[in-house]
Amino acid sequence: MIRRLFYLALGAYLATWVQRRLRALKPDHVARRAADQVRGLAADIREQALYRETELRAQYGLDTVSKSKLSPNVRDGR
């Protein structure tokens, strides 16, 4: 009797686990995860580019940037 109850509980657990895994493979879930990863990667790239720009400005003594050359959306790395 206890063995049957154990296997019933194990089967219920495995069925729930399989259903969750199958739901995770739906296209909208996969697309959302991919978009989140790309968004995080783009933020890392942007951060590294700003860091490198600051390094280059310090190395070559470019402390100031002409305001006329910058568009309103561009940061000068400081």
Protein backbone atom coordinates (compact mmCIF):
# COMPACT_ATOMS: atom_id res chain seq x y z
CA MET A 1 0.00 0.00 0.00
CA ILE A 2 2.77 2.44 0.91
CA ARG A 3 4.66 1.54 -2.26
CA ARG A 4 1.63 2.37 -4.40
CA LEU A 5 1.21 5.70 -2.64
CA PHE A 6 4.90 6.46 -3.23
CA TYR A 7 4.62 5.72 -6.95
CA LEU A 8 1.42 7.76 -7.20
CA ALA A 9 3.18 10.76 -5.62
CA LEU A 10 6.23 10.25 -7.83
CA GLY A 11 4.04 10.13 -10.94
CA ALA A 12 2.22 13.32 -9.94
CA TYR A 13 5.52 15.08 -9.36
CA LEU A 14 6.97 13.94 -12.70
CA ALA A 15 3.80 14.96 -14.56
CA THR A 16 3.96 18.44 -13.04
CA TRP A 17 7.67 18.74 -13.85
CA VAL A 18 7.14 17.67 -17.47
CA GLN A 19 4.26 20.14 -17.90
CA ARG A 20 6.41 23.01 -16.64
CA ARG A 21 9.25 22.03 -18.98
CA LEU A 22 6.90 21.88 -21.96
CA ARG A 23 5.40 25.27 -21.10
CA ALA A 24 8.91 26.75 -21.00
CA LEU A 25 9.42 25.65 -24.61
CA LYS A 26 6.47 27.65 -25.97
CA PRO A 27 7.56 30.24 -28.54
CA ASP A 28 6.47 33.26 -26.50
CA HIS A 29 8.51 32.10 -23.50
CA VAL A 30 11.56 31.38 -25.63
CA ALA A 31 11.25 34.76 -27.36
CA ARG A 32 10.92 36.58 -24.04
CA ARG A 33 14.00 34.90 -22.60
CA ALA A 34 16.01 35.64 -25.75
CA ALA A 35 14.94 39.30 -25.70
CA ASP A 36 15.92 39.62 -22.04
CA GLN A 37 19.34 38.14 -22.76
CA VAL A 38 19.90 40.48 -25.72
CA ARG A 39 18.79 43.47 -23.65
CA GLY A 40 21.27 42.55 -20.92
CA LEU A 41 24.05 42.02 -23.47
CA ALA A 42 23.37 45.39 -25.11
CA ALA A 43 23.56 47.12 -21.73
CA ASP A 44 26.91 45.44 -21.02
CA ILE A 45 28.27 46.47 -24.41
CA ARG A 46 27.11 50.06 -23.89
CA GLU A 47 28.75 50.17 -20.47
CA GLN A 48 32.04 48.80 -21.81
CA ALA A 49 32.01 51.28 -24.72
CA LEU A 50 31.55 54.20 -22.33
CA TYR A 51 34.35 52.89 -20.12
CA ARG A 52 36.71 52.51 -23.07
CA GLU A 53 35.84 55.96 -24.37
CA THR A 54 36.67 57.44 -20.98
CA GLU A 55 40.01 55.60 -21.00
CA LEU A 56 40.86 56.90 -24.47
CA ARG A 57 39.87 60.45 -23.56
CA ALA A 58 42.14 60.31 -20.51
CA GLN A 59 44.98 58.76 -22.52
CA TYR A 60 44.89 61.37 -25.29
CA GLY A 61 43.97 64.34 -23.13
CA LEU A 62 40.56 64.92 -24.64
CA ASP A 63 38.90 66.37 -21.57
CA THR A 64 36.40 68.58 -23.38
CA VAL A 65 34.04 67.93 -26.22
CA SER A 66 32.55 70.62 -28.40
CA LYS A 67 28.85 70.90 -27.60
CA SER A 68 28.06 71.65 -31.24
CA LYS A 69 29.29 68.21 -32.33
CA LEU A 70 27.17 66.27 -29.87
CA SER A 71 23.56 65.43 -30.46
CA PRO A 72 21.33 65.74 -27.37
CA ASN A 73 21.21 61.95 -26.91
CA VAL A 74 24.99 61.36 -26.93
CA ARG A 75 26.94 61.28 -23.69
CA ASP A 76 30.58 62.27 -23.73
CA GLY A 77 31.73 59.45 -21.42
CA ARG A 78 32.28 61.48 -18.28
